[in-house]
Amino acid sequence: MDKLSIFNKAQVRIVPDIRPGDTVKIYQKFKEGDKKKIQSFEGIVIARKHGKGISATITVRKISFGVGVEKIMPIYSPTIDKIEIVRRAKVKRAKLYYIREKAAKEIRKKMKGLRKVAVEATTESPTEEPSVENNNN
């Protein structure tokens, strides 16, 4: 076994089964000065690429202040603290790139009748696996 495959096996950790259409909350560690902080990013998974190995990535999209924001995140990155699946959705495609155009139209519609929606937060310790809720919406 070569050194690269030994390193790759050491980096792999248990992550939930993430699929396109899932709404996920990703907790990412970063360093600000001499302090270490955790920042969350919640959005819809629109693509999963590069298989299930160490180089697997997901593309997560959210709307922030009326602007679409996408992040491509390696699943097994050491900066990722925890991945939590908030909601599952049934989708018929593997890549949901069409949501980019659809989201802009949805925003314009919602601006007329803007409503606040309460979101339930789950409190779990980082050592536990995240809970999975099946919503057939």
N, C-alpha and C. Protein backbone atom coordinates (compact mmCIF):
# COMPACT_ATOMS: atom_id res chain seq x y z
N MET A 1 0.84 -1.18 0.00
CA MET A 1 0.00 0.00 0.00
C MET A 1 0.89 1.24 0.00
N ASP A 2 0.62 2.17 -0.90
CA ASP A 2 1.44 3.37 -0.98
C ASP A 2 1.00 4.42 0.04
N LYS A 3 1.79 5.43 0.21
CA LYS A 3 1.54 6.45 1.23
C LYS A 3 0.27 7.24 0.97
N LEU A 4 -0.05 7.46 -0.29
CA LEU A 4 -1.24 8.24 -0.62
C LEU A 4 -2.53 7.51 -0.20
N SER A 5 -2.61 6.22 -0.45
CA SER A 5 -3.82 5.47 -0.07
C SER A 5 -3.93 5.35 1.46
N ILE A 6 -2.81 5.27 2.16
CA ILE A 6 -2.83 5.23 3.63
C ILE A 6 -3.36 6.56 4.17
N PHE A 7 -2.90 7.67 3.57
CA PHE A 7 -3.36 8.99 3.99
C PHE A 7 -4.86 9.14 3.72
N ASN A 8 -5.31 8.69 2.54
CA ASN A 8 -6.73 8.80 2.19
C ASN A 8 -7.62 8.02 3.14
N LYS A 9 -7.21 6.84 3.55
CA LYS A 9 -8.00 6.05 4.49
C LYS A 9 -8.06 6.70 5.86
N ALA A 10 -7.01 7.40 6.25
CA ALA A 10 -7.00 8.08 7.55
C ALA A 10 -7.94 9.27 7.56
N GLN A 11 -8.17 9.91 6.40
CA GLN A 11 -9.01 11.09 6.31
C GLN A 11 -10.50 10.78 6.26
N VAL A 12 -10.86 9.58 5.81
CA VAL A 12 -12.27 9.22 5.65
C VAL A 12 -12.92 9.06 7.03
N ARG A 13 -14.10 9.71 7.20
CA ARG A 13 -14.85 9.57 8.44
C ARG A 13 -16.31 9.32 8.08
N ILE A 14 -17.10 9.01 9.05
CA ILE A 14 -18.50 8.68 8.80
C ILE A 14 -19.28 9.98 8.56
N VAL A 15 -19.94 10.05 7.41
CA VAL A 15 -20.81 11.18 7.08
C VAL A 15 -22.16 10.61 6.65
N PRO A 16 -23.22 11.38 6.82
CA PRO A 16 -24.53 10.88 6.40
C PRO A 16 -24.61 10.75 4.89
N ASP A 17 -25.58 9.96 4.42
CA ASP A 17 -25.80 9.76 3.00
C ASP A 17 -26.45 11.02 2.43
N ILE A 18 -25.66 11.83 1.77
CA ILE A 18 -26.14 13.11 1.23
C ILE A 18 -26.48 12.91 -0.23
N ARG A 19 -27.70 13.33 -0.60
CA ARG A 19 -28.16 13.20 -1.98
C ARG A 19 -28.66 14.55 -2.49
N PRO A 20 -28.70 14.74 -3.80
CA PRO A 20 -29.28 15.97 -4.34
C PRO A 20 -30.73 16.13 -3.90
N GLY A 21 -31.10 17.35 -3.57
CA GLY A 21 -32.45 17.63 -3.08
C GLY A 21 -32.52 17.73 -1.57
N ASP A 22 -31.50 17.25 -0.88
CA ASP A 22 -31.47 17.34 0.58
C ASP A 22 -31.17 18.77 1.00
N THR A 23 -31.80 19.19 2.07
CA THR A 23 -31.44 20.46 2.69
C THR A 23 -30.50 20.12 3.84
N VAL A 24 -29.27 20.63 3.76
CA VAL A 24 -28.25 20.29 4.74
C VAL A 24 -27.78 21.53 5.47
N LYS A 25 -27.27 21.31 6.66
CA LYS A 25 -26.64 22.36 7.45
C LYS A 25 -25.21 21.89 7.68
N ILE A 26 -24.26 22.67 7.18
CA ILE A 26 -22.85 22.30 7.27
C ILE A 26 -22.17 23.25 8.25
N TYR A 27 -21.53 22.69 9.25
CA TYR A 27 -20.79 23.45 10.25
C TYR A 27 -19.32 23.42 9.85
N GLN A 28 -18.76 24.61 9.56
CA GLN A 28 -17.40 24.70 9.08
C GLN A 28 -16.53 25.47 10.08
N LYS A 29 -15.37 24.91 10.41
CA LYS A 29 -14.44 25.54 11.34
C LYS A 29 -13.56 26.53 10.58
N PHE A 30 -13.29 27.66 11.22
CA PHE A 30 -12.33 28.60 10.66
C PHE A 30 -11.64 29.35 11.79
N LYS A 31 -10.51 29.93 11.46
CA LYS A 31 -9.72 30.62 12.47
C LYS A 31 -9.75 32.12 12.18
N GLU A 32 -10.12 32.88 13.20
CA GLU A 32 -10.17 34.34 13.08
C GLU A 32 -9.23 34.91 14.13
N GLY A 33 -8.08 35.34 13.69
CA GLY A 33 -7.06 35.81 14.64
C GLY A 33 -6.53 34.62 15.42
N ASP A 34 -6.67 34.67 16.75
CA ASP A 34 -6.25 33.53 17.57
C ASP A 34 -7.44 32.74 18.09
N LYS A 35 -8.65 33.05 17.59
CA LYS A 35 -9.86 32.34 18.01
C LYS A 35 -10.29 31.36 16.92
N LYS A 36 -10.83 30.23 17.36
CA LYS A 36 -11.41 29.26 16.43
C LYS A 36 -12.92 29.35 16.54
N LYS A 37 -13.59 29.47 15.39
CA LYS A 37 -15.04 29.60 15.37
C LYS A 37 -15.65 28.57 14.44
N ILE A 38 -16.95 28.35 14.64
CA ILE A 38 -17.70 27.45 13.76
C ILE A 38 -18.82 28.26 13.12
N GLN A 39 -18.91 28.16 11.80
CA GLN A 39 -19.92 28.88 11.04
C GLN A 39 -20.78 27.87 10.32
N SER A 40 -22.10 28.10 10.30
CA SER A 40 -22.99 27.17 9.62
C SER A 40 -23.43 27.72 8.28
N PHE A 41 -23.70 26.82 7.35
CA PHE A 41 -24.18 27.17 6.02
C PHE A 41 -25.29 26.19 5.69
N GLU A 42 -26.52 26.69 5.55
CA GLU A 42 -27.67 25.83 5.30
C GLU A 42 -28.20 26.09 3.90
N GLY A 43 -28.38 25.03 3.13
CA GLY A 43 -28.89 25.19 1.78
C GLY A 43 -29.26 23.85 1.17
N ILE A 44 -29.66 23.89 -0.10
CA ILE A 44 -30.09 22.69 -0.83
C ILE A 44 -28.89 22.13 -1.60
N VAL A 45 -28.71 20.82 -1.53
CA VAL A 45 -27.66 20.16 -2.29
C VAL A 45 -28.15 20.07 -3.73
N ILE A 46 -27.43 20.71 -4.66
CA ILE A 46 -27.85 20.64 -6.06
C ILE A 46 -26.99 19.67 -6.86
N ALA A 47 -25.85 19.25 -6.33
CA ALA A 47 -25.01 18.29 -7.04
C ALA A 47 -24.08 17.59 -6.07
N ARG A 48 -23.77 16.34 -6.41
CA ARG A 48 -22.75 15.58 -5.70
C ARG A 48 -21.82 15.02 -6.76
N LYS A 49 -20.52 15.25 -6.58
CA LYS A 49 -19.57 14.85 -7.61
C LYS A 49 -18.41 14.06 -7.02
N HIS A 50 -17.71 13.39 -7.88
CA HIS A 50 -16.47 12.67 -7.58
C HIS A 50 -16.67 11.45 -6.69
N GLY A 51 -17.83 10.83 -6.78
CA GLY A 51 -18.05 9.55 -6.12
C GLY A 51 -18.17 9.62 -4.62
N LYS A 52 -17.78 8.53 -3.96
CA LYS A 52 -17.91 8.45 -2.51
C LYS A 52 -16.56 8.44 -1.81
N GLY A 53 -15.49 8.62 -2.55
CA GLY A 53 -14.15 8.58 -1.97
C GLY A 53 -13.76 9.86 -1.27
N ILE A 54 -12.47 9.99 -1.03
CA ILE A 54 -11.93 11.13 -0.29
C ILE A 54 -12.10 12.44 -1.05
N SER A 55 -12.22 12.37 -2.37
CA SER A 55 -12.32 13.59 -3.17
C SER A 55 -13.77 13.98 -3.47
N ALA A 56 -14.74 13.37 -2.80
CA ALA A 56 -16.16 13.66 -3.05
C ALA A 56 -16.50 15.09 -2.62
N THR A 57 -17.30 15.77 -3.45
CA THR A 57 -17.72 17.12 -3.14
C THR A 57 -19.23 17.25 -3.32
N ILE A 58 -19.79 18.25 -2.65
CA ILE A 58 -21.19 18.59 -2.84
C ILE A 58 -21.28 20.08 -3.14
N THR A 59 -22.28 20.44 -3.94
CA THR A 59 -22.56 21.84 -4.23
C THR A 59 -23.82 22.20 -3.49
N VAL A 60 -23.73 23.18 -2.60
CA VAL A 60 -24.85 23.60 -1.76
C VAL A 60 -25.24 25.02 -2.16
N ARG A 61 -26.55 25.24 -2.34
CA ARG A 61 -27.05 26.55 -2.77
C ARG A 61 -28.05 27.09 -1.77
N LYS A 62 -27.93 28.39 -1.47
CA LYS A 62 -28.91 29.05 -0.62
C LYS A 62 -29.13 30.46 -1.14
N ILE A 63 -30.21 31.08 -0.72
CA ILE A 63 -30.50 32.46 -1.07
C ILE A 63 -30.18 33.32 0.16
N SER A 64 -29.27 34.26 0.00
CA SER A 64 -28.87 35.12 1.09
C SER A 64 -29.10 36.58 0.69
N PHE A 65 -30.03 37.24 1.38
CA PHE A 65 -30.38 38.63 1.10
C PHE A 65 -30.76 38.83 -0.36
N GLY A 66 -31.50 37.88 -0.92
CA GLY A 66 -31.98 37.99 -2.29
C GLY A 66 -30.99 37.60 -3.36
N VAL A 67 -29.82 37.13 -2.97
CA VAL A 67 -28.79 36.73 -3.92
C VAL A 67 -28.49 35.25 -3.72
N GLY A 68 -28.41 34.51 -4.82
CA GLY A 68 -28.08 33.08 -4.74
C GLY A 68 -26.60 32.89 -4.44
N VAL A 69 -26.32 32.05 -3.45
CA VAL A 69 -24.93 31.77 -3.07
C VAL A 69 -24.72 30.27 -3.15
N GLU A 70 -23.66 29.86 -3.85
CA GLU A 70 -23.33 28.44 -3.96
C GLU A 70 -21.93 28.22 -3.40
N LYS A 71 -21.79 27.11 -2.71
CA LYS A 71 -20.48 26.70 -2.20
C LYS A 71 -20.23 25.27 -2.64
N ILE A 72 -19.04 25.01 -3.10
CA ILE A 72 -18.61 23.65 -3.42
C ILE A 72 -17.72 23.22 -2.27
N MET A 73 -18.17 22.18 -1.55
CA MET A 73 -17.46 21.77 -0.34
C MET A 73 -17.02 20.31 -0.44
N PRO A 74 -15.75 20.03 -0.16
CA PRO A 74 -15.32 18.65 -0.05
C PRO A 74 -15.93 18.04 1.22
N ILE A 75 -16.54 16.87 1.08
CA ILE A 75 -17.24 16.25 2.21
C ILE A 75 -16.27 15.88 3.33
N TYR A 76 -15.09 15.41 2.96
CA TYR A 76 -14.14 14.92 3.96
C TYR A 76 -13.07 15.95 4.32
N SER A 77 -13.37 17.23 4.12
CA SER A 77 -12.42 18.28 4.46
C SER A 77 -12.24 18.35 5.97
N PRO A 78 -11.02 18.57 6.45
CA PRO A 78 -10.82 18.70 7.89
C PRO A 78 -11.47 19.95 8.48
N THR A 79 -11.82 20.92 7.65
CA THR A 79 -12.48 22.13 8.16
C THR A 79 -13.97 21.91 8.40
N ILE A 80 -14.55 20.86 7.83
CA ILE A 80 -15.96 20.56 8.04
C ILE A 80 -16.08 19.86 9.39
N ASP A 81 -16.83 20.48 10.31
CA ASP A 81 -17.00 19.93 11.64
C ASP A 81 -18.12 18.90 11.67
N LYS A 82 -19.27 19.26 11.09
CA LYS A 82 -20.43 18.38 11.14
C LYS A 82 -21.34 18.69 9.96
N ILE A 83 -21.97 17.65 9.43
CA ILE A 83 -22.96 17.81 8.38
C ILE A 83 -24.27 17.25 8.92
N GLU A 84 -25.30 18.07 8.89
CA GLU A 84 -26.60 17.68 9.44
C GLU A 84 -27.65 17.78 8.33
N ILE A 85 -28.40 16.71 8.12
CA ILE A 85 -29.46 16.72 7.13
C ILE A 85 -30.72 17.25 7.80
N VAL A 86 -31.22 18.38 7.28
CA VAL A 86 -32.39 19.02 7.85
C VAL A 86 -33.66 18.43 7.25
N ARG A 87 -33.66 18.24 5.92
CA ARG A 87 -34.86 17.75 5.25
C ARG A 87 -34.46 16.98 4.00
N ARG A 88 -35.21 15.97 3.68
CA ARG A 88 -35.00 15.20 2.46
C ARG A 88 -36.10 15.53 1.46
N ALA A 89 -35.78 15.46 0.19
CA ALA A 89 -36.77 15.69 -0.85
C ALA A 89 -36.58 14.66 -1.96
N LYS A 90 -37.68 14.23 -2.55
CA LYS A 90 -37.59 13.33 -3.69
C LYS A 90 -37.35 14.15 -4.94
N VAL A 91 -36.31 13.81 -5.67
CA VAL A 91 -36.01 14.50 -6.92
C VAL A 91 -35.82 13.46 -8.01
N LYS A 92 -36.01 13.88 -9.25
CA LYS A 92 -35.91 12.96 -10.38
C LYS A 92 -34.61 13.12 -11.14
N ARG A 93 -33.75 14.02 -10.70
CA ARG A 93 -32.50 14.26 -11.41
C ARG A 93 -31.32 14.15 -10.44
N ALA A 94 -30.14 13.88 -10.99
CA ALA A 94 -28.94 13.77 -10.17
C ALA A 94 -28.29 15.14 -9.96
N LYS A 95 -28.46 16.03 -10.92
CA LYS A 95 -27.92 17.38 -10.82
C LYS A 95 -29.09 18.35 -10.93
N LEU A 96 -29.25 19.23 -9.97
CA LEU A 96 -30.39 20.13 -9.91
C LEU A 96 -30.01 21.55 -10.32
N TYR A 97 -29.28 21.69 -11.42
CA TYR A 97 -28.83 23.00 -11.86
C TYR A 97 -29.99 23.89 -12.30
N TYR A 98 -31.12 23.30 -12.64
CA TYR A 98 -32.27 24.09 -13.08
C TYR A 98 -32.83 24.95 -11.94
N ILE A 99 -32.48 24.64 -10.69
CA ILE A 99 -32.96 25.42 -9.55
C ILE A 99 -32.39 26.85 -9.58
N ARG A 100 -31.25 27.03 -10.24
CA ARG A 100 -30.64 28.37 -10.31
C ARG A 100 -31.60 29.36 -10.96
N GLU A 101 -32.19 28.99 -12.08
CA GLU A 101 -33.13 29.89 -12.76
C GLU A 101 -34.46 29.95 -12.03
N LYS A 102 -34.89 28.82 -11.51
CA LYS A 102 -36.18 28.77 -10.84
C LYS A 102 -36.17 29.59 -9.56
N ALA A 103 -35.06 29.60 -8.85
CA ALA A 103 -34.98 30.30 -7.57
C ALA A 103 -35.16 31.80 -7.77
N ALA A 104 -34.64 32.38 -8.85
CA ALA A 104 -34.78 33.81 -9.09
C ALA A 104 -36.24 34.18 -9.30
N LYS A 105 -36.97 33.34 -10.02
CA LYS A 105 -38.39 33.61 -10.25
C LYS A 105 -39.18 33.48 -8.95
N GLU A 106 -38.81 32.51 -8.14
CA GLU A 106 -39.50 32.31 -6.86
C GLU A 106 -39.27 33.51 -5.93
N ILE A 107 -38.10 34.07 -5.96
CA ILE A 107 -37.80 35.22 -5.10
C ILE A 107 -38.68 36.40 -5.49
N ARG A 108 -38.81 36.65 -6.77
CA ARG A 108 -39.64 37.77 -7.22
C ARG A 108 -41.09 37.60 -6.78
N LYS A 109 -41.59 36.37 -6.80
CA LYS A 109 -42.96 36.10 -6.35
C LYS A 109 -43.09 36.31 -4.85
N LYS A 110 -42.10 35.88 -4.09
CA LYS A 110 -42.17 35.96 -2.64
C LYS A 110 -41.99 37.38 -2.13
N MET A 111 -41.36 38.25 -2.89
CA MET A 111 -41.17 39.62 -2.46
C MET A 111 -42.50 40.34 -2.31
N LYS A 112 -43.52 39.95 -3.08
CA LYS A 112 -44.83 40.57 -2.98
C LYS A 112 -45.50 40.18 -1.68
N GLY A 113 -45.44 38.93 -1.31
CA GLY A 113 -46.08 38.44 -0.09
C GLY A 113 -45.08 37.76 0.81
N LEU A 114 -44.14 38.51 1.34
CA LEU A 114 -43.07 37.97 2.17
C LEU A 114 -43.62 37.48 3.51
N ARG A 115 -43.29 36.23 3.84
CA ARG A 115 -43.72 35.65 5.11
C ARG A 115 -42.52 35.09 5.84
N LYS A 116 -42.59 35.18 7.16
CA LYS A 116 -41.55 34.55 7.96
C LYS A 116 -41.97 33.13 8.27
N VAL A 117 -41.02 32.22 8.15
CA VAL A 117 -41.28 30.82 8.41
C VAL A 117 -40.39 30.38 9.56
N ALA A 118 -41.00 29.78 10.58
CA ALA A 118 -40.23 29.30 11.73
C ALA A 118 -39.55 27.99 11.37
N VAL A 119 -38.28 27.86 11.68
CA VAL A 119 -37.51 26.65 11.41
C VAL A 119 -37.11 26.05 12.75
N GLU A 120 -37.38 24.76 12.91
CA GLU A 120 -37.02 24.08 14.15
C GLU A 120 -35.55 23.72 14.11
N ALA A 121 -34.86 24.01 15.18
CA ALA A 121 -33.44 23.69 15.28
C ALA A 121 -33.28 22.43 16.11
N THR A 122 -32.38 21.56 15.67
CA THR A 122 -32.09 20.36 16.44
C THR A 122 -30.83 20.59 17.24
N THR A 123 -30.84 20.13 18.47
CA THR A 123 -29.65 20.26 19.31
C THR A 123 -29.08 18.88 19.52
N GLU A 124 -27.94 18.66 18.88
CA GLU A 124 -27.27 17.38 18.99
C GLU A 124 -25.80 17.62 19.29
N SER A 125 -25.21 16.69 19.99
CA SER A 125 -23.78 16.81 20.24
C SER A 125 -23.04 16.38 18.99
N PRO A 126 -21.83 16.89 18.76
CA PRO A 126 -21.08 16.57 17.54
C PRO A 126 -20.73 15.09 17.40
N THR A 127 -20.76 14.31 18.49
CA THR A 127 -20.40 12.91 18.39
C THR A 127 -21.53 12.05 17.88
N GLU A 128 -22.79 12.53 18.02
CA GLU A 128 -23.92 11.75 17.55
C GLU A 128 -24.09 11.94 16.06
N GLU A 129 -24.70 10.92 15.41
CA GLU A 129 -25.03 11.07 14.00
C GLU A 129 -26.28 11.91 13.86
N PRO A 130 -26.35 12.76 12.81
CA PRO A 130 -27.54 13.62 12.67
C PRO A 130 -28.79 12.80 12.36
N SER A 131 -29.92 13.34 12.85
CA SER A 131 -31.19 12.66 12.61
C SER A 131 -31.66 12.97 11.20
N VAL A 132 -32.41 12.03 10.63
CA VAL A 132 -32.91 12.17 9.28
C VAL A 132 -34.42 12.15 9.33
N GLU A 133 -35.04 13.21 8.79
CA GLU A 133 -36.49 13.27 8.74
C GLU A 133 -36.92 13.03 7.30
N ASN A 134 -37.89 12.17 7.09
CA ASN A 134 -38.40 11.92 5.74
C ASN A 134 -39.68 12.72 5.55
N ASN A 135 -39.60 13.76 4.75
CA ASN A 135 -40.76 14.55 4.38
C ASN A 135 -41.06 14.30 2.92
N ASN A 136 -42.22 13.83 2.61
CA ASN A 136 -42.58 13.56 1.23
C ASN A 136 -43.30 14.74 0.63
N ASN A 137 -42.66 15.89 0.63
CA ASN A 137 -43.25 17.11 0.06
C ASN A 137 -42.84 17.24 -1.37
